């Protein structure tokens, strides 16, 4: 009996020794960068490890997770770590490995997006979110965006609805400083911002800005996807629900207004636009956006009123100037096509001269707008546009002035 017990103890000791030895060898191979060799040791001794005590088995699972991460089998790697996350002796190491896993997943998804493998990017980013839902909500947002790029509407809709349900805002603080010798405004991170504030002779005009909430955009995307899927009623419901909790959110009002345009309910659209203006009567961006919406709908007169109002509120808002010029010149291709269609008869020649003057009048209308814009911001597109206009209407002095600015 004693001999049998002694033999059993020897076998247990031998088995335990073999398990530790093979696991140690596998870890050495992995640490040396020989990932395939480490994986081969684990696979060839799988039964040995699966019958080991909990300590050895948990370390075997932990190394398996590291190997899977190295081979970019991210989902299975996460499954391995998840199965041992409650093991106290490995808690710190598992936490560190999960952070490395998230980093690897995100880097891989960035590469996928660059290569336009949007479905893979979306799947990976969602996994990064799932690993730590409290701290990685941004990855859910980017995952939804990648699904949109992949035109995978159902997955994108699912993720945007999840973002809406967790009330994702996505607000970040941006930091800006101005380099005093050049006047250049720079966006910096929070650490750089603190350092630059200690150099008042070199940097100034320190600004901290919070970005706008992404929640209205999320609701808008939900509505648009429902609309794309032919589910207009669901689109309306999505916006209505969001507006109940944020009744004075102007961006949500604009989303709802756009939906009413989609279903050709212009009176409801106007009603919502007036509501937005009432809430933000001095918001130049709101008037600019209203200009964009009306221009898209072909309401050029209304669009012009809104662009001009945006400029009136903020004379330095360059986008309104550019869009106003584009709106005025919208008529030019129609005039040119009509000029090109004319023959050589006397009547056609007279008509040609009338159209030519009409075209030049459009150009002259744009001149003071572009001149104001160039004073505010020496935008190269604006300078080139004005230079071409001067060339067309025969203003050589103006043409040379713009050419000097370009040169």
Protein backbone atom coordinates (compact mmCIF):
# COMPACT_ATOMS: atom_id res chain seq x y z
CA UNK A 1 0.00 0.00 0.00
CA UNK A 2 2.81 2.37 0.94
CA UNK A 3 4.62 1.51 -2.27
CA UNK A 4 1.52 2.31 -4.33
CA UNK A 5 1.08 5.64 -2.58
CA UNK A 6 4.73 6.48 -3.12
CA UNK A 7 4.45 5.59 -6.80
CA UNK A 8 1.35 7.77 -7.16
CA UNK A 9 3.12 10.71 -5.53
CA UNK A 10 6.08 10.26 -7.87
CA UNK A 11 3.77 10.26 -10.90
CA UNK A 12 1.99 13.42 -9.73
CA UNK A 13 5.31 15.11 -9.08
CA UNK A 14 6.64 14.04 -12.48
CA UNK A 15 3.51 15.28 -14.24
CA UNK A 16 3.61 18.62 -12.43
CA UNK A 17 7.30 18.96 -13.24
CA UNK A 18 6.61 18.28 -16.95
CA UNK A 19 3.79 20.82 -17.01
CA UNK A 20 5.94 23.55 -15.46
CA UNK A 21 8.88 22.69 -17.69
CA UNK A 22 6.86 22.88 -20.94
CA UNK A 23 5.10 26.06 -19.87
CA UNK A 24 8.45 27.62 -18.97
CA UNK A 25 9.88 26.63 -22.36
CA UNK A 26 6.86 28.08 -24.16
CA UNK A 27 7.20 31.38 -22.25
CA UNK A 28 10.91 31.56 -23.11
CA UNK A 29 10.17 31.05 -26.80
CA UNK A 30 7.46 33.72 -26.73
CA UNK A 31 9.68 36.23 -24.92
CA UNK A 32 12.39 35.59 -27.53
CA UNK A 33 9.93 36.48 -30.27
CA UNK A 34 9.51 32.88 -31.43
CA UNK A 35 5.73 32.98 -31.32
CA UNK A 36 5.13 29.99 -33.62
CA UNK A 37 7.50 27.85 -31.55
CA UNK A 38 5.73 28.85 -28.34
CA UNK A 39 2.36 28.02 -29.90
CA UNK A 40 3.68 24.63 -31.06
CA UNK A 41 4.74 23.74 -27.51
CA UNK A 42 1.30 24.63 -26.14
CA UNK A 43 -0.54 22.72 -28.87
CA UNK A 44 1.59 19.61 -28.53
CA UNK A 45 1.07 19.60 -24.76
CA UNK A 46 -2.57 20.71 -24.75
CA UNK A 47 -3.87 17.66 -22.89
CA UNK A 48 -1.05 17.96 -20.36
CA UNK A 49 -1.97 21.56 -19.54
CA UNK A 50 -5.72 20.99 -19.51
CA UNK A 51 -5.26 18.40 -16.73
CA UNK A 52 -2.97 20.66 -14.70
CA UNK A 53 -3.81 22.36 -11.43
CA UNK A 54 -5.54 25.75 -11.60
CA UNK A 55 -2.34 27.79 -11.27
CA UNK A 56 -0.58 26.13 -14.21
CA UNK A 57 -3.79 26.00 -16.27
CA UNK A 58 -4.46 29.72 -15.76
CA UNK A 59 -0.90 30.60 -16.81
CA UNK A 60 -1.33 28.37 -19.85
CA UNK A 61 -4.51 30.28 -20.78
CA UNK A 62 -2.73 33.59 -20.16
CA UNK A 63 0.14 32.68 -22.51
CA UNK A 64 -2.37 31.41 -25.08
CA UNK A 65 -4.00 34.84 -25.01
CA UNK A 66 -0.64 36.56 -25.58
CA UNK A 67 0.14 34.28 -28.53
CA UNK A 68 -3.28 34.88 -30.09
CA UNK A 69 -2.82 38.65 -29.67
CA UNK A 70 0.57 38.48 -31.39
CA UNK A 71 -1.00 36.59 -34.30
CA UNK A 72 -3.81 39.20 -34.50
CA UNK A 73 -6.49 36.69 -33.54
CA UNK A 74 -7.96 39.41 -31.36
CA UNK A 75 -11.37 37.98 -30.56
CA UNK A 76 -10.03 34.64 -29.34
CA UNK A 77 -7.30 36.43 -27.40
CA UNK A 78 -9.97 38.45 -25.60
CA UNK A 79 -11.92 35.26 -24.86
CA UNK A 80 -8.83 33.78 -23.18
CA UNK A 81 -8.23 36.86 -21.02
CA UNK A 82 -11.92 37.08 -20.19
CA UNK A 83 -11.92 33.53 -18.85
CA UNK A 84 -9.17 34.32 -16.30
CA UNK A 85 -9.97 37.96 -15.43
CA UNK A 86 -11.23 36.92 -11.96
CA UNK A 87 -7.94 35.15 -11.07
CA UNK A 88 -6.44 37.44 -8.43
CA UNK A 89 -2.82 36.35 -8.94
CA UNK A 90 -3.00 37.32 -12.62
CA UNK A 91 -5.24 40.40 -12.29
CA UNK A 92 -2.55 43.03 -12.92
CA UNK A 93 -0.98 41.12 -15.80
CA UNK A 94 -4.36 40.50 -17.46
CA UNK A 95 -5.22 44.21 -17.13
CA UNK A 96 -1.92 45.18 -18.79
CA UNK A 97 -2.43 42.63 -21.55
CA UNK A 98 -5.93 43.88 -22.23
CA UNK A 99 -4.55 47.40 -22.71
CA UNK A 100 -1.98 46.04 -25.16
CA UNK A 101 -4.75 44.11 -26.91
CA UNK A 102 -6.86 47.27 -27.27
CA UNK A 103 -3.85 49.15 -28.65
CA UNK A 104 -3.11 46.40 -31.19
CA UNK A 105 -6.77 46.22 -32.24
CA UNK A 106 -7.00 49.98 -32.79
CA UNK A 107 -3.71 50.11 -34.75
CA UNK A 108 -4.91 47.24 -36.92
CA UNK A 109 -8.26 48.97 -37.52
CA UNK A 110 -6.47 52.18 -38.57
CA UNK A 111 -4.60 50.18 -41.20
CA UNK A 112 -7.87 48.54 -42.32
CA UNK A 113 -9.51 51.94 -42.75
CA UNK A 114 -6.54 53.21 -44.78
CA UNK A 115 -6.85 50.15 -47.03
CA UNK A 116 -10.65 50.65 -47.20
CA UNK A 117 -11.31 47.36 -45.39
CA UNK A 118 -14.11 49.10 -43.53
CA UNK A 119 -16.01 46.00 -42.41
CA UNK A 120 -12.92 44.55 -40.68
CA UNK A 121 -12.15 47.96 -39.17
CA UNK A 122 -15.67 48.24 -37.79
CA UNK A 123 -15.59 44.74 -36.31
CA UNK A 124 -12.24 45.37 -34.60
CA UNK A 125 -13.24 48.75 -33.21
CA UNK A 126 -16.41 47.28 -31.77
CA UNK A 127 -14.29 44.62 -30.06
CA UNK A 128 -12.06 47.36 -28.59
CA UNK A 129 -15.21 49.00 -27.22
CA UNK A 130 -16.53 45.69 -25.86
CA UNK A 131 -13.31 45.02 -23.93
CA UNK A 132 -13.84 48.15 -21.82
CA UNK A 133 -17.25 49.70 -22.44
CA UNK A 134 -16.86 52.35 -19.76
CA UNK A 135 -13.67 53.88 -21.16
CA UNK A 136 -13.81 52.99 -24.85
CA UNK A 137 -17.11 54.53 -25.97
CA UNK A 138 -15.26 56.51 -28.64
CA UNK A 139 -14.42 53.25 -30.40
CA UNK A 140 -18.12 52.40 -30.70
CA UNK A 141 -18.61 55.76 -32.45
CA UNK A 142 -15.72 55.08 -34.87
CA UNK A 143 -16.98 51.55 -35.42
CA UNK A 144 -20.34 52.92 -36.52
CA UNK A 145 -18.55 55.35 -38.88
CA UNK A 146 -16.57 52.51 -40.45
CA UNK A 147 -19.80 50.57 -41.00
CA UNK A 148 -21.24 53.61 -42.79
CA UNK A 149 -18.12 53.72 -45.00
CA UNK A 150 -18.71 50.05 -45.77
CA UNK A 151 -22.38 50.85 -46.59
CA UNK A 152 -23.25 48.17 -44.02
CA UNK A 153 -26.37 50.06 -42.98
CA UNK A 154 -27.79 47.46 -40.61
CA UNK A 155 -24.61 47.23 -38.53
CA UNK A 156 -24.17 50.99 -38.55
CA UNK A 157 -27.77 51.42 -37.40
CA UNK A 158 -27.26 48.92 -34.58
CA UNK A 159 -24.16 50.75 -33.33
CA UNK A 160 -25.71 54.23 -33.61
CA UNK A 161 -28.75 53.06 -31.66
CA UNK A 162 -26.40 51.72 -28.98
CA UNK A 163 -24.64 55.11 -28.90
CA UNK A 164 -27.99 56.84 -28.52
CA UNK A 165 -29.02 54.49 -25.72
CA UNK A 166 -25.84 55.20 -23.72
CA UNK A 167 -26.29 58.95 -24.40
CA UNK A 168 -22.86 59.24 -26.00
CA UNK A 169 -21.74 62.87 -26.34
CA UNK A 170 -18.13 62.56 -27.54
CA UNK A 171 -17.20 66.01 -26.23
CA UNK A 172 -13.46 66.70 -26.05
CA UNK A 173 -11.46 69.73 -24.97
CA UNK A 174 -9.26 71.28 -27.65
CA UNK A 175 -6.30 73.52 -26.84
CA UNK A 176 -5.02 76.36 -29.01
CA UNK A 177 -2.05 78.71 -28.72
CA UNK A 178 -0.75 81.44 -31.03
CA UNK A 179 2.92 81.67 -31.96
CA UNK A 180 3.60 85.37 -31.43
CA UNK A 181 6.40 85.87 -33.96
CA UNK A 182 4.37 84.35 -36.86
CA UNK A 183 0.80 84.86 -35.63
CA UNK A 184 0.10 81.21 -36.42
CA UNK A 185 -2.65 79.53 -34.39
CA UNK A 186 -1.66 76.01 -33.32
CA UNK A 187 -3.74 73.17 -31.91
CA UNK A 188 -1.79 71.38 -29.16
CA UNK A 189 -2.41 68.66 -26.58
CA UNK A 190 -3.05 69.39 -22.90
CA UNK A 191 0.58 68.80 -21.84
CA UNK A 192 1.96 71.11 -24.54
CA UNK A 193 -0.67 73.70 -23.63
CA UNK A 194 0.62 73.78 -20.04
CA UNK A 195 4.22 74.15 -21.23
CA UNK A 196 3.46 76.93 -23.72
CA UNK A 197 1.65 78.93 -21.03
CA UNK A 198 5.00 79.17 -19.28
CA UNK A 199 6.48 80.93 -22.34
CA UNK A 200 4.44 84.16 -22.56
CA UNK A 201 7.09 85.92 -24.69
CA UNK A 202 6.81 83.29 -27.40
CA UNK A 203 3.17 82.18 -27.19
CA UNK A 204 -0.13 83.89 -26.41
CA UNK A 205 -3.88 83.88 -27.00
CA UNK A 206 -4.37 80.65 -25.03
CA UNK A 207 -7.77 79.13 -25.77
CA UNK A 208 -9.56 76.06 -24.42
CA UNK A 209 -12.59 74.97 -26.44
CA UNK A 210 -15.03 72.15 -25.90
CA UNK A 211 -16.09 70.40 -29.08
CA UNK A 212 -19.78 70.14 -29.89
CA UNK A 213 -21.73 67.10 -28.72
CA UNK A 214 -21.91 64.27 -31.27
CA UNK A 215 -25.35 63.21 -29.98
CA UNK A 216 -27.34 65.22 -32.58
CA UNK A 217 -25.14 63.76 -35.33
CA UNK A 218 -25.84 60.25 -34.01
CA UNK A 219 -29.60 60.82 -34.03
CA UNK A 220 -29.29 62.37 -37.49
CA UNK A 221 -27.42 59.30 -38.77
CA UNK A 222 -30.03 56.97 -37.27
CA UNK A 223 -32.72 58.95 -39.06
CA UNK A 224 -30.79 59.02 -42.35
CA UNK A 225 -30.11 55.28 -42.26
CA UNK A 226 -33.78 54.54 -41.55
CA UNK A 227 -34.58 56.88 -44.44
CA UNK A 228 -32.11 55.04 -46.74
CA UNK A 229 -33.75 51.77 -45.77
CA UNK A 230 -37.14 53.19 -46.72
CA UNK A 231 -38.26 53.37 -43.08
CA UNK A 232 -39.30 57.04 -42.94
CA UNK A 233 -41.67 56.52 -40.00
CA UNK A 234 -38.83 55.06 -37.92
CA UNK A 235 -36.66 58.01 -38.90
CA UNK A 236 -39.26 60.46 -37.62
CA UNK A 237 -39.71 58.49 -34.39
CA UNK A 238 -35.95 58.50 -33.74
CA UNK A 239 -35.74 62.29 -34.02
CA UNK A 240 -38.94 62.87 -32.04
CA UNK A 241 -37.66 60.72 -29.16
CA UNK A 242 -34.36 62.58 -29.08
CA UNK A 243 -36.10 65.95 -29.13
CA UNK A 244 -38.28 65.04 -26.14
CA UNK A 245 -35.17 64.89 -23.96
CA UNK A 246 -33.48 67.83 -25.75
CA UNK A 247 -36.36 70.07 -26.93
CA UNK A 248 -34.16 73.15 -27.41
CA UNK A 249 -31.23 71.45 -29.13
CA UNK A 250 -30.95 73.42 -32.35
CA UNK A 251 -28.97 70.70 -34.14
CA UNK A 252 -31.78 68.20 -33.49
CA UNK A 253 -34.29 70.74 -34.79
CA UNK A 254 -32.25 70.97 -38.00
CA UNK A 255 -32.19 67.18 -38.30
CA UNK A 256 -35.96 67.03 -37.96
CA UNK A 257 -36.34 69.90 -40.44
CA UNK A 258 -34.22 68.05 -43.01
CA UNK A 259 -36.46 64.99 -42.64
CA UNK A 260 -39.52 67.08 -43.39
CA UNK A 261 -37.80 68.33 -46.54
CA UNK A 262 -37.22 64.68 -47.52
CA UNK A 263 -40.96 64.01 -47.32
CA UNK A 264 -41.74 67.35 -49.04
CA UNK A 265 -43.47 68.97 -46.05
CA UNK A 266 -42.12 72.48 -46.63
CA UNK A 267 -44.41 74.26 -44.19
CA UNK A 268 -43.25 72.05 -41.32
CA UNK A 269 -39.68 72.66 -42.44
CA UNK A 270 -40.18 76.44 -42.27
CA UNK A 271 -41.85 76.15 -38.87
CA UNK A 272 -38.84 74.30 -37.47
CA UNK A 273 -36.42 76.75 -39.04
CA UNK A 274 -38.22 79.63 -37.35
CA UNK A 275 -38.05 77.75 -34.06
CA UNK A 276 -34.28 77.33 -34.46
CA UNK A 277 -33.84 81.03 -35.21
CA UNK A 278 -35.94 81.95 -32.17
CA UNK A 279 -33.68 79.87 -29.95
CA UNK A 280 -30.44 81.18 -31.43
CA UNK A 281 -31.05 84.53 -33.10
CA UNK A 282 -27.36 85.51 -33.04
CA UNK A 283 -25.83 82.20 -34.08
CA UNK A 284 -24.00 82.83 -37.36
CA UNK A 285 -23.36 79.12 -37.88
CA UNK A 286 -27.09 78.40 -37.62
CA UNK A 287 -27.86 80.96 -40.35
CA UNK A 288 -25.00 79.56 -42.43
CA UNK A 289 -26.41 76.03 -42.09
CA UNK A 290 -29.85 77.30 -43.03
CA UNK A 291 -28.24 78.81 -46.12
CA UNK A 292 -26.69 75.46 -47.00
CA UNK A 293 -30.01 73.61 -46.55
CA UNK A 294 -31.92 76.12 -48.68
CA UNK A 295 -29.22 76.14 -51.38
CA UNK A 296 -29.37 72.32 -51.51
CA UNK A 297 -33.13 72.56 -51.96
CA UNK A 298 -32.80 75.15 -54.74
CA UNK A 299 -34.21 77.98 -52.62
CA UNK A 300 -31.48 80.35 -53.75
CA UNK A 301 -33.12 83.60 -52.64
CA UNK A 302 -33.66 82.33 -49.11
CA UNK A 303 -30.16 80.84 -49.05
CA UNK A 304 -28.70 84.22 -49.95
CA UNK A 305 -30.63 85.94 -47.13
CA UNK A 306 -29.26 83.41 -44.63
CA UNK A 307 -25.65 83.69 -45.85
CA UNK A 308 -25.83 87.48 -45.69
CA UNK A 309 -27.30 87.29 -42.19
CA UNK A 310 -24.43 85.00 -41.11
CA UNK A 311 -21.95 87.59 -42.42
CA UNK A 312 -23.86 90.39 -40.68
CA UNK A 313 -23.63 88.57 -37.34
CA UNK A 314 -19.98 87.56 -37.80
CA UNK A 315 -18.19 89.56 -40.53
CA UNK A 316 -15.10 87.35 -40.14
CA UNK A 317 -16.91 84.07 -40.94
CA UNK A 318 -15.16 83.18 -44.20
CA UNK A 319 -17.29 80.13 -45.11
CA UNK A 320 -20.37 82.33 -45.54
CA UNK A 321 -18.51 84.55 -48.05
CA UNK A 322 -17.35 81.55 -50.08
CA UNK A 323 -20.81 79.97 -50.15
CA UNK A 324 -22.42 83.29 -51.08
CA UNK A 325 -20.08 83.64 -54.07
CA UNK A 326 -20.76 80.03 -55.08
CA UNK A 327 -24.50 80.72 -54.85
CA UNK A 328 -24.27 83.83 -57.05
CA UNK A 329 -22.16 81.99 -59.64
CA UNK A 330 -24.63 79.08 -59.68
CA UNK A 331 -26.38 80.80 -62.58
CA UNK A 332 -23.20 81.13 -64.66
CA UNK A 333 -23.19 77.63 -66.28
CA UNK A 334 -26.78 78.16 -67.43
CA UNK A 335 -25.84 81.48 -69.07
CA UNK A 336 -22.73 79.95 -70.70
CA UNK A 337 -24.73 77.01 -72.08
CA UNK A 338 -27.25 79.43 -73.56
CA UNK A 339 -24.46 81.55 -75.09
CA UNK A 340 -22.86 78.46 -76.65
CA UNK A 341 -26.19 77.37 -78.14
CA UNK A 342 -26.65 80.59 -80.15
CA UNK A 343 -26.07 80.88 -83.85
CA UNK A 344 -24.51 83.71 -85.84
CA UNK A 345 -27.61 85.64 -86.89
CA UNK A 346 -28.01 89.30 -85.98
CA UNK A 347 -30.70 88.44 -83.42
CA UNK A 348 -28.46 85.78 -81.88
CA UNK A 349 -25.56 88.22 -81.70
CA UNK A 350 -27.73 90.74 -79.86
CA UNK A 351 -28.87 88.04 -77.46
CA UNK A 352 -25.27 86.93 -77.00
CA UNK A 353 -24.25 90.45 -75.95
CA UNK A 354 -27.14 90.58 -73.44
CA UNK A 355 -26.09 87.23 -71.95
CA UNK A 356 -22.45 88.28 -71.86
CA UNK A 357 -23.35 91.40 -69.87
CA UNK A 358 -25.53 89.33 -67.56
CA UNK A 359 -22.60 86.99 -66.91
CA UNK A 360 -20.23 89.91 -66.26
CA UNK A 361 -22.76 91.43 -63.88
CA UNK A 362 -22.67 88.21 -61.88
CA UNK A 363 -18.89 88.48 -61.69
CA UNK A 364 -19.02 92.13 -60.64
CA UNK A 365 -21.49 91.22 -57.91
CA UNK A 366 -18.94 88.77 -56.51
CA UNK A 367 -16.03 91.25 -56.53
CA UNK A 368 -16.80 93.16 -53.28
CA UNK A 369 -17.64 89.90 -51.46
CA UNK A 370 -14.34 88.30 -52.45
CA UNK A 371 -12.38 91.47 -51.63
CA UNK A 372 -13.82 91.45 -48.09
CA UNK A 373 -12.98 87.77 -47.73
CA UNK A 374 -9.38 88.30 -48.85
CA UNK A 375 -8.95 91.07 -46.26
CA UNK A 376 -10.23 88.68 -43.54
CA UNK A 377 -8.39 85.60 -44.73
CA UNK A 378 -6.00 85.47 -47.67
CA UNK A 379 -7.72 82.34 -48.95
CA UNK A 380 -5.91 81.17 -52.09
CA UNK A 381 -9.10 79.89 -53.76
CA UNK A 382 -10.75 83.26 -53.19
CA UNK A 383 -7.71 85.10 -54.61
CA UNK A 384 -7.62 82.87 -57.71
CA UNK A 385 -11.38 83.24 -58.23
CA UNK A 386 -11.15 87.03 -58.01
CA UNK A 387 -8.09 87.05 -60.32
CA UNK A 388 -10.05 85.04 -62.93
CA UNK A 389 -13.04 87.37 -62.57
CA UNK A 390 -10.82 90.45 -63.11
CA UNK A 391 -9.34 88.74 -66.16
CA UNK A 392 -12.79 88.01 -67.59
CA UNK A 393 -14.20 91.52 -67.07
CA UNK A 394 -10.99 93.16 -68.30
CA UNK A 395 -9.81 94.72 -65.04
CA UNK A 396 -6.03 94.42 -65.60
CA UNK A 397 -5.10 96.39 -62.49
CA UNK A 398 -7.19 94.09 -60.28
CA UNK A 399 -5.82 91.03 -62.09
CA UNK A 400 -2.19 92.05 -61.44
CA UNK A 401 -2.96 92.87 -57.79
CA UNK A 402 -4.34 89.34 -57.25
CA UNK A 403 -1.47 87.79 -59.22
CA UNK A 404 1.01 89.46 -56.87
CA UNK A 405 -0.81 87.98 -53.88
CA UNK A 406 -0.61 84.52 -55.45
CA UNK A 407 3.08 84.95 -56.30
